[in-house]
Amino acid sequence: MSTRQRWWLSKIFILLFCLITPPILIYANGYRINWHSWKLERTGLLEIKSEPANALVNINELKAWWGKPKKIVTPVKLKNLRPGNYNVNLSLPGYYEWHKTLTIWPAQTTIVKDIRLFKKSEPQLLAALPTTTLSGAILPLDNRQFNLATKNLTTTSIRALIDEQKLATNWLDTASISLACPLPNGKIAFSSQFELWLANPDTATTELLGRFSQPIVQLICLPNSDNYLIFGQDNGWQVIEVDNQQSHLIWQLTNTDHLGNGAIDKKANTLYFYAQIGSTTGLFSLEL
C-alpha cells in the first residue's frame, strides 16, 4: 500500500469515527430523535411493580417501536422511553384489570409500585342467619378463626383518630362524618353519607375521592396499604384506589341485596361480612 493510499485510509477512518461516535454517545446517554418534531429528546424510565407479581403489562405505544409485541410482566423497568403519555394496562388471570395513563418525563423515572390487583371471587357462605339479625350482627375482632385486623378499625367519630389540637382550626366538618378509618401513612379516610373523602391531619387538607348515588354504610382501611379503601353500600362492596394522579379507579368486588357489618383479616387477603344475597342471609367470606 502506497503512502498516499495509507493517508486516504487514515482520513476515512477519522471521518467515520467523527460520524459514528457522536450518535453512539448520544444514544448511550439516553437521547432519542423524535421523528415527528425532528428534535433530540432525553428519554425517561418507567418502573412498575404489582402485588401479586407476574401481571402482564400491555402498553400500546410500545408496539410500533419494538417491531412486534413482547411479553412484559411485573416487576419491570422500561428504559429509553420518549417523553409523553402511555396507556398502561395490567392483567392477570382471575384478577381485575388495572389501567392508567402514565406520563414519562425527560431524564426522570416514573415509578408506580403500590399497585394491588384484586381477585375476581365469589362470596362464600360461612354461616346462615335469620334475616332479622343482619343489622345487629357484629364480627368478633378477637376471633382467632378469622384473624381479623384490629389496627384499622372503623369508627363513627373521626375525633377518635385525629388529635383535638389538629382540629382546632376548623378545617374539617366533623359533624357530617358518618364513618372513618386510619390509613398506615397517617391519613384518614372518611365518608359523609354519599361522599368518600381523604383527610391529611398534618397539612389540614381534605381530598374528595368520589360521590355516589347510594349511601356508604361500611368503610374499611387496609392494614397494609395506603393506596386502597374498601367501602360498602347496601348493594355490595367496592374498592377504590386513592392515588390522586388521575381519576380514582373503582372495582365492584361483590353484589348484595342488603349489607351488614364487615371486617378484614390482618393480611388483607379476606373480607368477612354479614349480608343478604338472594334468599340467603348470613356470614360470608370473600377472597381479595
C-alpha atoms as a PDB file:
ATOM      1  CA  MET A   1       0.000   0.000   0.000  1.00  0.00           C
ATOM      2  CA  SER A   2       1.416   3.342  -1.042  1.00  0.00           C
ATOM      3  CA  THR A   3       1.891   6.320   1.255  1.00  0.00           C
ATOM      4  CA  ARG A   4      -0.962   8.179  -0.462  1.00  0.00           C
ATOM      5  CA  GLN A   5      -3.320   5.231  -0.006  1.00  0.00           C
ATOM      6  CA  ARG A   6      -2.469   4.996   3.674  1.00  0.00           C
ATOM      7  CA  TRP A   7      -3.076   8.736   4.015  1.00  0.00           C
ATOM      8  CA  TRP A   8      -6.540   8.468   2.457  1.00  0.00           C
ATOM      9  CA  LEU A   9      -7.337   5.384   4.515  1.00  0.00           C
ATOM     10  CA  SER A  10      -6.449   7.168   7.748  1.00  0.00           C
ATOM     11  CA  LYS A  11      -8.615  10.142   6.731  1.00  0.00           C
ATOM     12  CA  ILE A  12     -11.558   7.805   6.049  1.00  0.00           C
ATOM     13  CA  PHE A  13     -11.205   6.163   9.486  1.00  0.00           C
ATOM     14  CA  ILE A  14     -11.070   9.572  11.171  1.00  0.00           C
ATOM     15  CA  LEU A  15     -14.136  10.690   9.250  1.00  0.00           C
ATOM     16  CA  LEU A  16     -16.049   7.508  10.165  1.00  0.00           C
ATOM     17  CA  PHE A  17     -15.041   7.945  13.806  1.00  0.00           C
ATOM     18  CA  CYS A  18     -16.320  11.536  13.799  1.00  0.00           C
ATOM     19  CA  LEU A  19     -19.599  10.457  12.177  1.00  0.00           C
ATOM     20  CA  ILE A  20     -20.301   7.364  14.263  1.00  0.00           C
ATOM     21  CA  THR A  21     -19.069   8.332  17.744  1.00  0.00           C
ATOM     22  CA  PRO A  22     -21.471  11.268  18.457  1.00  0.00           C
ATOM     23  CA  PRO A  23     -24.665   9.250  17.717  1.00  0.00           C
ATOM     24  CA  ILE A  24     -23.374   6.394  19.882  1.00  0.00           C
ATOM     25  CA  LEU A  25     -22.631   8.758  22.773  1.00  0.00           C
ATOM     26  CA  ILE A  26     -25.991  10.475  22.376  1.00  0.00           C
ATOM     27  CA  TYR A  27     -27.798   7.094  22.356  1.00  0.00           C
ATOM     28  CA  ALA A  28     -25.812   5.849  25.374  1.00  0.00           C
ATOM     29  CA  ASN A  29     -26.794   8.960  27.355  1.00  0.00           C
ATOM     30  CA  GLY A  30     -30.494   8.355  26.798  1.00  0.00           C
ATOM     31  CA  TYR A  31     -31.266  10.681  23.908  1.00  0.00           C
ATOM     32  CA  ARG A  32     -33.532   9.776  21.010  1.00  0.00           C
ATOM     33  CA  ILE A  33     -34.724  11.582  17.903  1.00  0.00           C
ATOM     34  CA  ASN A  34     -38.404  12.484  17.823  1.00  0.00           C
ATOM     35  CA  TRP A  35     -39.189  11.840  14.162  1.00  0.00           C
ATOM     36  CA  HIS A  36     -42.431  13.817  14.399  1.00  0.00           C
ATOM     37  CA  SER A  37     -40.811  17.061  15.542  1.00  0.00           C
ATOM     38  CA  TRP A  38     -37.258  16.261  14.408  1.00  0.00           C
ATOM     39  CA  LYS A  39     -35.933  17.147  17.829  1.00  0.00           C
ATOM     40  CA  LEU A  40     -33.435  15.417  20.055  1.00  0.00           C
ATOM     41  CA  GLU A  41     -35.124  14.366  23.308  1.00  0.00           C
ATOM     42  CA  ARG A  42     -33.848  12.984  26.580  1.00  0.00           C
ATOM     43  CA  THR A  43     -35.657   9.740  27.393  1.00  0.00           C
ATOM     44  CA  GLY A  44     -37.159   8.561  30.668  1.00  0.00           C
ATOM     45  CA  LEU A  45     -37.669   5.330  32.574  1.00  0.00           C
ATOM     46  CA  LEU A  46     -40.837   3.569  33.731  1.00  0.00           C
ATOM     47  CA  GLU A  47     -40.801   1.191  36.690  1.00  0.00           C
ATOM     48  CA  ILE A  48     -43.901  -0.845  37.551  1.00  0.00           C
ATOM     49  CA  LYS A  49     -44.438  -3.212  40.466  1.00  0.00           C
ATOM     50  CA  SER A  50     -47.622  -5.044  41.401  1.00  0.00           C
ATOM     51  CA  GLU A  51     -48.958  -7.390  44.051  1.00  0.00           C
ATOM     52  CA  PRO A  52     -49.175 -10.149  43.025  1.00  0.00           C
ATOM     53  CA  ALA A  53     -46.280 -10.060  40.589  1.00  0.00           C
ATOM     54  CA  ASN A  54     -46.139 -11.533  37.051  1.00  0.00           C
ATOM     55  CA  ALA A  55     -49.014  -9.376  35.825  1.00  0.00           C
ATOM     56  CA  LEU A  56     -48.954  -8.907  32.052  1.00  0.00           C
ATOM     57  CA  VAL A  57     -48.095  -5.309  31.084  1.00  0.00           C
ATOM     58  CA  ASN A  58     -49.639  -4.017  27.869  1.00  0.00           C
ATOM     59  CA  ILE A  59     -48.570  -0.614  26.508  1.00  0.00           C
ATOM     60  CA  ASN A  60     -49.933   0.073  23.042  1.00  0.00           C
ATOM     61  CA  GLU A  61     -47.472   2.885  22.407  1.00  0.00           C
ATOM     62  CA  LEU A  62     -44.533   0.448  22.536  1.00  0.00           C
ATOM     63  CA  LYS A  63     -45.668  -1.907  19.785  1.00  0.00           C
ATOM     64  CA  ALA A  64     -44.549   0.272  16.907  1.00  0.00           C
ATOM     65  CA  TRP A  65     -41.137   0.784  18.470  1.00  0.00           C
ATOM     66  CA  TRP A  66     -40.233  -2.822  19.063  1.00  0.00           C
ATOM     67  CA  GLY A  67     -41.497  -4.202  15.756  1.00  0.00           C
ATOM     68  CA  LYS A  68     -43.514  -6.937  17.411  1.00  0.00           C
ATOM     69  CA  PRO A  69     -45.263  -7.215  20.788  1.00  0.00           C
ATOM     70  CA  LYS A  70     -43.161  -8.579  23.614  1.00  0.00           C
ATOM     71  CA  LYS A  71     -44.409 -10.219  26.776  1.00  0.00           C
ATOM     72  CA  ILE A  72     -43.678  -7.875  29.671  1.00  0.00           C
ATOM     73  CA  VAL A  73     -44.581  -8.842  33.235  1.00  0.00           C
ATOM     74  CA  THR A  74     -44.241  -7.101  36.588  1.00  0.00           C
ATOM     75  CA  PRO A  75     -41.921  -6.128  38.145  1.00  0.00           C
ATOM     76  CA  VAL A  76     -40.437  -4.350  35.136  1.00  0.00           C
ATOM     77  CA  LYS A  77     -38.191  -1.408  34.275  1.00  0.00           C
ATOM     78  CA  LEU A  78     -38.608   0.058  30.802  1.00  0.00           C
ATOM     79  CA  LYS A  79     -35.729   2.284  29.745  1.00  0.00           C
ATOM     80  CA  ASN A  80     -35.272   4.857  26.985  1.00  0.00           C
ATOM     81  CA  LEU A  81     -38.937   5.819  26.686  1.00  0.00           C
ATOM     82  CA  ARG A  82     -39.664   9.022  24.822  1.00  0.00           C
ATOM     83  CA  PRO A  83     -41.407  11.711  26.912  1.00  0.00           C
ATOM     84  CA  GLY A  84     -45.177  11.631  26.712  1.00  0.00           C
ATOM     85  CA  ASN A  85     -48.278   9.773  27.877  1.00  0.00           C
ATOM     86  CA  TYR A  86     -48.512   5.981  27.854  1.00  0.00           C
ATOM     87  CA  ASN A  87     -51.680   3.930  28.309  1.00  0.00           C
ATOM     88  CA  VAL A  88     -50.677   1.118  30.662  1.00  0.00           C
ATOM     89  CA  ASN A  89     -52.837  -1.957  31.306  1.00  0.00           C
ATOM     90  CA  LEU A  90     -52.039  -4.701  33.823  1.00  0.00           C
ATOM     91  CA  SER A  91     -53.841  -8.038  33.634  1.00  0.00           C
ATOM     92  CA  LEU A  92     -53.598 -11.344  35.458  1.00  0.00           C
ATOM     93  CA  PRO A  93     -55.974 -14.320  35.063  1.00  0.00           C
ATOM     94  CA  GLY A  94     -58.547 -14.350  37.851  1.00  0.00           C
ATOM     95  CA  TYR A  95     -57.942 -10.695  38.819  1.00  0.00           C
ATOM     96  CA  TYR A  96     -59.499  -7.360  37.927  1.00  0.00           C
ATOM     97  CA  GLU A  97     -57.502  -5.363  35.393  1.00  0.00           C
ATOM     98  CA  TRP A  98     -55.616  -2.195  36.297  1.00  0.00           C
ATOM     99  CA  HIS A  99     -55.300   0.605  33.763  1.00  0.00           C
ATOM    100  CA  LYS A 100     -53.987   4.150  33.842  1.00  0.00           C
ATOM    101  CA  THR A 101     -52.326   6.771  31.642  1.00  0.00           C
ATOM    102  CA  LEU A 102     -48.784   7.379  32.893  1.00  0.00           C
ATOM    103  CA  THR A 103     -46.566  10.289  31.918  1.00  0.00           C
ATOM    104  CA  ILE A 104     -42.873   9.857  31.111  1.00  0.00           C
ATOM    105  CA  TRP A 105     -40.669  12.887  31.742  1.00  0.00           C
ATOM    106  CA  PRO A 106     -37.192  13.556  30.272  1.00  0.00           C
ATOM    107  CA  ALA A 107     -34.318  12.219  32.401  1.00  0.00           C
ATOM    108  CA  GLN A 108     -36.753  11.082  35.128  1.00  0.00           C
ATOM    109  CA  THR A 109     -38.058   7.779  36.431  1.00  0.00           C
ATOM    110  CA  THR A 110     -41.811   7.296  36.710  1.00  0.00           C
ATOM    111  CA  ILE A 111     -42.349   4.752  39.494  1.00  0.00           C
ATOM    112  CA  VAL A 112     -45.680   3.004  40.057  1.00  0.00           C
ATOM    113  CA  LYS A 113     -45.130   0.461  42.811  1.00  0.00           C
ATOM    114  CA  ASP A 114     -48.218   0.475  45.043  1.00  0.00           C
ATOM    115  CA  ILE A 115     -50.449  -1.456  42.642  1.00  0.00           C
ATOM    116  CA  ARG A 116     -52.584  -4.212  44.058  1.00  0.00           C
ATOM    117  CA  LEU A 117     -54.656  -6.482  41.851  1.00  0.00           C
ATOM    118  CA  PHE A 118     -57.845  -7.790  43.454  1.00  0.00           C
ATOM    119  CA  LYS A 119     -59.274 -11.239  42.822  1.00  0.00           C
ATOM    120  CA  LYS A 120     -62.444 -11.924  40.900  1.00  0.00           C
ATOM    121  CA  SER A 121     -64.025 -14.163  43.520  1.00  0.00           C
ATOM    122  CA  GLU A 122     -67.488 -15.112  44.719  1.00  0.00           C
ATOM    123  CA  PRO A 123     -68.642 -14.741  48.332  1.00  0.00           C
ATOM    124  CA  GLN A 124     -68.665 -17.977  50.313  1.00  0.00           C
ATOM    125  CA  LEU A 125     -71.326 -18.612  52.946  1.00  0.00           C
ATOM    126  CA  LEU A 126     -69.778 -19.421  56.335  1.00  0.00           C
ATOM    127  CA  ALA A 127     -72.909 -19.431  58.488  1.00  0.00           C
ATOM    128  CA  ALA A 128     -76.595 -18.825  57.772  1.00  0.00           C
ATOM    129  CA  LEU A 129     -78.521 -16.393  59.974  1.00  0.00           C
ATOM    130  CA  PRO A 130     -82.127 -15.288  60.301  1.00  0.00           C
ATOM    131  CA  THR A 131     -82.840 -12.134  58.290  1.00  0.00           C
ATOM    132  CA  THR A 132     -83.820 -10.213  61.416  1.00  0.00           C
ATOM    133  CA  THR A 133     -80.286 -10.488  62.895  1.00  0.00           C
ATOM    134  CA  LEU A 134     -78.488  -8.889  59.926  1.00  0.00           C
ATOM    135  CA  SER A 135     -78.441  -5.291  61.157  1.00  0.00           C
ATOM    136  CA  GLY A 136     -77.212  -6.151  64.638  1.00  0.00           C
ATOM    137  CA  ALA A 137     -74.644  -8.826  63.798  1.00  0.00           C
ATOM    138  CA  ILE A 138     -71.099  -7.784  64.801  1.00  0.00           C
ATOM    139  CA  LEU A 139     -67.905  -9.542  63.823  1.00  0.00           C
ATOM    140  CA  PRO A 140     -65.781 -10.551  66.852  1.00  0.00           C
ATOM    141  CA  LEU A 141     -62.465  -8.750  66.269  1.00  0.00           C
ATOM    142  CA  ASP A 142     -60.596 -11.080  68.629  1.00  0.00           C
ATOM    143  CA  ASN A 143     -61.773 -14.209  66.846  1.00  0.00           C
ATOM    144  CA  ARG A 144     -58.680 -16.285  66.072  1.00  0.00           C
ATOM    145  CA  GLN A 145     -60.503 -18.274  63.440  1.00  0.00           C
ATOM    146  CA  PHE A 146     -60.790 -15.202  61.190  1.00  0.00           C
ATOM    147  CA  ASN A 147     -57.538 -13.497  62.296  1.00  0.00           C
ATOM    148  CA  LEU A 148     -59.191 -10.106  61.849  1.00  0.00           C
ATOM    149  CA  ALA A 149     -57.236  -6.865  61.707  1.00  0.00           C
ATOM    150  CA  THR A 150     -57.513  -4.642  64.785  1.00  0.00           C
ATOM    151  CA  LYS A 151     -55.324  -1.626  63.875  1.00  0.00           C
ATOM    152  CA  ASN A 152     -57.531  -0.151  61.170  1.00  0.00           C
ATOM    153  CA  LEU A 153     -60.857  -0.157  62.941  1.00  0.00           C
ATOM    154  CA  THR A 154     -63.701   1.927  61.582  1.00  0.00           C
ATOM    155  CA  THR A 155     -65.242   4.500  63.875  1.00  0.00           C
ATOM    156  CA  THR A 156     -68.261   6.772  63.626  1.00  0.00           C
ATOM    157  CA  SER A 157     -66.318   9.691  65.157  1.00  0.00           C
ATOM    158  CA  ILE A 158     -63.218  10.988  63.386  1.00  0.00           C
ATOM    159  CA  ARG A 159     -62.249  12.744  66.621  1.00  0.00           C
ATOM    160  CA  ALA A 160     -61.090   9.359  67.878  1.00  0.00           C
ATOM    161  CA  LEU A 161     -58.443   9.341  65.128  1.00  0.00           C
ATOM    162  CA  ILE A 162     -57.275  12.994  64.962  1.00  0.00           C
ATOM    163  CA  ASP A 163     -55.774  14.979  67.806  1.00  0.00           C
ATOM    164  CA  GLU A 164     -58.004  17.806  69.034  1.00  0.00           C
ATOM    165  CA  GLN A 165     -55.186  20.326  68.509  1.00  0.00           C
ATOM    166  CA  LYS A 166     -55.094  19.461  64.797  1.00  0.00           C
ATOM    167  CA  LEU A 167     -58.835  20.066  64.572  1.00  0.00           C
ATOM    168  CA  ALA A 168     -58.707  23.417  66.348  1.00  0.00           C
ATOM    169  CA  THR A 169     -58.538  25.452  63.127  1.00  0.00           C
ATOM    170  CA  ASN A 170     -61.890  24.020  61.968  1.00  0.00           C
ATOM    171  CA  TRP A 171     -60.594  22.806  58.606  1.00  0.00           C
ATOM    172  CA  LEU A 172     -62.755  19.694  58.911  1.00  0.00           C
ATOM    173  CA  ASP A 173     -66.514  19.481  59.413  1.00  0.00           C
ATOM    174  CA  THR A 174     -66.593  16.571  61.832  1.00  0.00           C
ATOM    175  CA  ALA A 175     -70.374  16.774  62.313  1.00  0.00           C
ATOM    176  CA  SER A 176     -71.089  15.485  58.800  1.00  0.00           C
ATOM    177  CA  ILE A 177     -68.804  12.446  59.088  1.00  0.00           C
ATOM    178  CA  SER A 178     -70.539   9.094  59.424  1.00  0.00           C
ATOM    179  CA  LEU A 179     -67.598   6.646  59.153  1.00  0.00           C
ATOM    180  CA  ALA A 180     -63.807   6.993  59.409  1.00  0.00           C
ATOM    181  CA  CYS A 181     -60.735   4.753  59.461  1.00  0.00           C
ATOM    182  CA  PRO A 182     -56.947   5.395  59.540  1.00  0.00           C
ATOM    183  CA  LEU A 183     -54.517   4.574  56.732  1.00  0.00           C
ATOM    184  CA  PRO A 184     -50.998   3.360  57.584  1.00  0.00           C
ATOM    185  CA  ASN A 185     -49.486   6.647  56.280  1.00  0.00           C
ATOM    186  CA  GLY A 186     -51.347   8.741  58.844  1.00  0.00           C
ATOM    187  CA  LYS A 187     -54.123   9.972  56.565  1.00  0.00           C
ATOM    188  CA  ILE A 188     -57.760   9.396  57.491  1.00  0.00           C
ATOM    189  CA  ALA A 189     -60.424   8.054  55.153  1.00  0.00           C
ATOM    190  CA  PHE A 190     -63.948   9.153  55.965  1.00  0.00           C
ATOM    191  CA  SER A 191     -67.430   9.173  54.476  1.00  0.00           C
ATOM    192  CA  SER A 192     -70.275  11.646  54.773  1.00  0.00           C
ATOM    193  CA  GLN A 193     -73.201   9.552  53.588  1.00  0.00           C
ATOM    194  CA  PHE A 194     -72.881   9.867  49.781  1.00  0.00           C
ATOM    195  CA  GLU A 195     -69.257  11.086  49.628  1.00  0.00           C
ATOM    196  CA  LEU A 196     -65.881   9.497  50.280  1.00  0.00           C
ATOM    197  CA  TRP A 197     -63.009  11.704  51.430  1.00  0.00           C
ATOM    198  CA  LEU A 198     -59.362  11.582  52.440  1.00  0.00           C
ATOM    199  CA  ALA A 199     -58.065  13.845  55.218  1.00  0.00           C
ATOM    200  CA  ASN A 200     -54.449  14.744  55.954  1.00  0.00           C
ATOM    201  CA  PRO A 201     -54.150  15.949  59.576  1.00  0.00           C
ATOM    202  CA  ASP A 202     -50.535  17.092  59.064  1.00  0.00           C
ATOM    203  CA  THR A 203     -51.444  19.564  56.304  1.00  0.00           C
ATOM    204  CA  ALA A 204     -55.037  20.224  57.427  1.00  0.00           C
ATOM    205  CA  THR A 205     -56.373  19.381  53.958  1.00  0.00           C
ATOM    206  CA  THR A 206     -59.045  17.118  52.513  1.00  0.00           C
ATOM    207  CA  GLU A 207     -59.485  15.451  49.139  1.00  0.00           C
ATOM    208  CA  LEU A 208     -62.735  14.225  47.622  1.00  0.00           C
ATOM    209  CA  LEU A 209     -62.398  10.645  46.356  1.00  0.00           C
ATOM    210  CA  GLY A 210     -65.882  10.222  44.943  1.00  0.00           C
ATOM    211  CA  ARG A 211     -69.609  10.905  45.093  1.00  0.00           C
ATOM    212  CA  PHE A 212     -72.086   8.052  44.895  1.00  0.00           C
ATOM    213  CA  SER A 213     -75.790   7.574  44.323  1.00  0.00           C
ATOM    214  CA  GLN A 214     -76.236   5.347  47.386  1.00  0.00           C
ATOM    215  CA  PRO A 215     -75.151   5.957  50.983  1.00  0.00           C
ATOM    216  CA  ILE A 216     -71.853   4.490  52.161  1.00  0.00           C
ATOM    217  CA  VAL A 217     -72.676   2.172  55.057  1.00  0.00           C
ATOM    218  CA  GLN A 218     -69.324   0.431  55.561  1.00  0.00           C
ATOM    219  CA  LEU A 219     -65.715   1.658  55.314  1.00  0.00           C
ATOM    220  CA  ILE A 220     -62.533  -0.406  55.727  1.00  0.00           C
ATOM    221  CA  CYS A 221     -58.912   0.753  55.540  1.00  0.00           C
ATOM    222  CA  LEU A 222     -56.452  -1.931  54.507  1.00  0.00           C
ATOM    223  CA  PRO A 223     -53.862  -2.561  57.268  1.00  0.00           C
ATOM    224  CA  ASN A 224     -51.001  -2.936  54.764  1.00  0.00           C
ATOM    225  CA  SER A 225     -51.727  -0.369  52.033  1.00  0.00           C
ATOM    226  CA  ASP A 226     -52.044   3.408  51.796  1.00  0.00           C
ATOM    227  CA  ASN A 227     -53.479   3.219  48.299  1.00  0.00           C
ATOM    228  CA  TYR A 228     -56.760   1.312  48.616  1.00  0.00           C
ATOM    229  CA  LEU A 229     -60.023   1.588  50.521  1.00  0.00           C
ATOM    230  CA  ILE A 230     -62.878  -0.879  50.692  1.00  0.00           C
ATOM    231  CA  PHE A 231     -66.325   0.640  51.115  1.00  0.00           C
ATOM    232  CA  GLY A 232     -69.753  -0.897  51.238  1.00  0.00           C
ATOM    233  CA  GLN A 233     -73.157   0.243  50.083  1.00  0.00           C
ATOM    234  CA  ASP A 234     -76.331  -1.711  50.601  1.00  0.00           C
ATOM    235  CA  ASN A 235     -75.920  -3.267  47.147  1.00  0.00           C
ATOM    236  CA  GLY A 236     -72.372  -4.541  47.682  1.00  0.00           C
ATOM    237  CA  TRP A 237     -68.672  -3.961  48.293  1.00  0.00           C
ATOM    238  CA  GLN A 238     -66.328  -1.830  46.187  1.00  0.00           C
ATOM    239  CA  VAL A 239     -62.634  -0.991  46.352  1.00  0.00           C
ATOM    240  CA  ILE A 240     -61.210   2.378  45.338  1.00  0.00           C
ATOM    241  CA  GLU A 241     -57.657   3.373  44.528  1.00  0.00           C
ATOM    242  CA  VAL A 242     -56.822   6.642  46.313  1.00  0.00           C
ATOM    243  CA  ASP A 243     -53.829   7.573  44.107  1.00  0.00           C
ATOM    244  CA  ASN A 244     -54.541  11.173  43.096  1.00  0.00           C
ATOM    245  CA  GLN A 245     -52.619  11.213  39.818  1.00  0.00           C
ATOM    246  CA  GLN A 246     -55.857  10.727  37.873  1.00  0.00           C
ATOM    247  CA  SER A 247     -59.483   9.785  38.389  1.00  0.00           C
ATOM    248  CA  HIS A 248     -59.728   7.125  41.061  1.00  0.00           C
ATOM    249  CA  LEU A 249     -60.111   3.555  39.835  1.00  0.00           C
ATOM    250  CA  ILE A 250     -63.051   1.638  41.362  1.00  0.00           C
ATOM    251  CA  TRP A 251     -63.807  -2.084  41.196  1.00  0.00           C
ATOM    252  CA  GLN A 252     -67.038  -3.805  42.247  1.00  0.00           C
ATOM    253  CA  LEU A 253     -65.969  -6.713  44.444  1.00  0.00           C
ATOM    254  CA  THR A 254     -69.364  -8.315  45.011  1.00  0.00           C
ATOM    255  CA  ASN A 255     -73.095  -7.577  44.892  1.00  0.00           C
ATOM    256  CA  THR A 256     -75.513  -7.932  47.788  1.00  0.00           C
ATOM    257  CA  ASP A 257     -79.201  -7.338  48.380  1.00  0.00           C
ATOM    258  CA  HIS A 258     -78.583  -5.978  51.879  1.00  0.00           C
ATOM    259  CA  LEU A 259     -75.247  -5.378  53.603  1.00  0.00           C
ATOM    260  CA  GLY A 260     -74.324  -5.655  57.265  1.00  0.00           C
ATOM    261  CA  ASN A 261     -71.066  -5.226  59.175  1.00  0.00           C
ATOM    262  CA  GLY A 262     -67.743  -6.274  57.685  1.00  0.00           C
ATOM    263  CA  ALA A 263     -64.092  -6.650  58.632  1.00  0.00           C
ATOM    264  CA  ILE A 264     -60.843  -7.692  57.006  1.00  0.00           C
ATOM    265  CA  ASP A 265     -58.106 -10.085  58.106  1.00  0.00           C
ATOM    266  CA  LYS A 266     -54.640  -8.883  59.134  1.00  0.00           C
ATOM    267  CA  LYS A 267     -53.034  -9.615  55.751  1.00  0.00           C
ATOM    268  CA  ALA A 268     -55.942  -8.069  53.821  1.00  0.00           C
ATOM    269  CA  ASN A 269     -56.497 -11.305  51.933  1.00  0.00           C
ATOM    270  CA  THR A 270     -60.091 -11.987  53.020  1.00  0.00           C
ATOM    271  CA  LEU A 271     -63.125  -9.820  53.657  1.00  0.00           C
ATOM    272  CA  TYR A 272     -65.700 -11.128  56.143  1.00  0.00           C
ATOM    273  CA  PHE A 273     -69.174  -9.605  56.222  1.00  0.00           C
ATOM    274  CA  TYR A 274     -72.816 -10.139  57.062  1.00  0.00           C
ATOM    275  CA  ALA A 275     -75.213  -9.763  54.142  1.00  0.00           C
ATOM    276  CA  GLN A 276     -78.313 -10.947  52.389  1.00  0.00           C
ATOM    277  CA  ILE A 277     -77.522 -12.327  48.939  1.00  0.00           C
ATOM    278  CA  GLY A 278     -80.576 -13.592  47.155  1.00  0.00           C
ATOM    279  CA  SER A 279     -82.606 -15.661  49.590  1.00  0.00           C
ATOM    280  CA  THR A 280     -79.617 -16.368  51.874  1.00  0.00           C
ATOM    281  CA  THR A 281     -78.720 -14.263  54.893  1.00  0.00           C
ATOM    282  CA  GLY A 282     -75.563 -14.969  56.836  1.00  0.00           C
ATOM    283  CA  LEU A 283     -71.852 -14.516  57.366  1.00  0.00           C
ATOM    284  CA  PHE A 284     -69.829 -14.549  54.138  1.00  0.00           C
ATOM    285  CA  SER A 285     -66.143 -14.501  53.220  1.00  0.00           C
ATOM    286  CA  LEU A 286     -64.660 -13.008  50.077  1.00  0.00           C
ATOM    287  CA  GLU A 287     -61.101 -13.618  48.870  1.00  0.00           C
ATOM    288  CA  LEU A 288     -59.316 -10.420  47.888  1.00  0.00           C
END
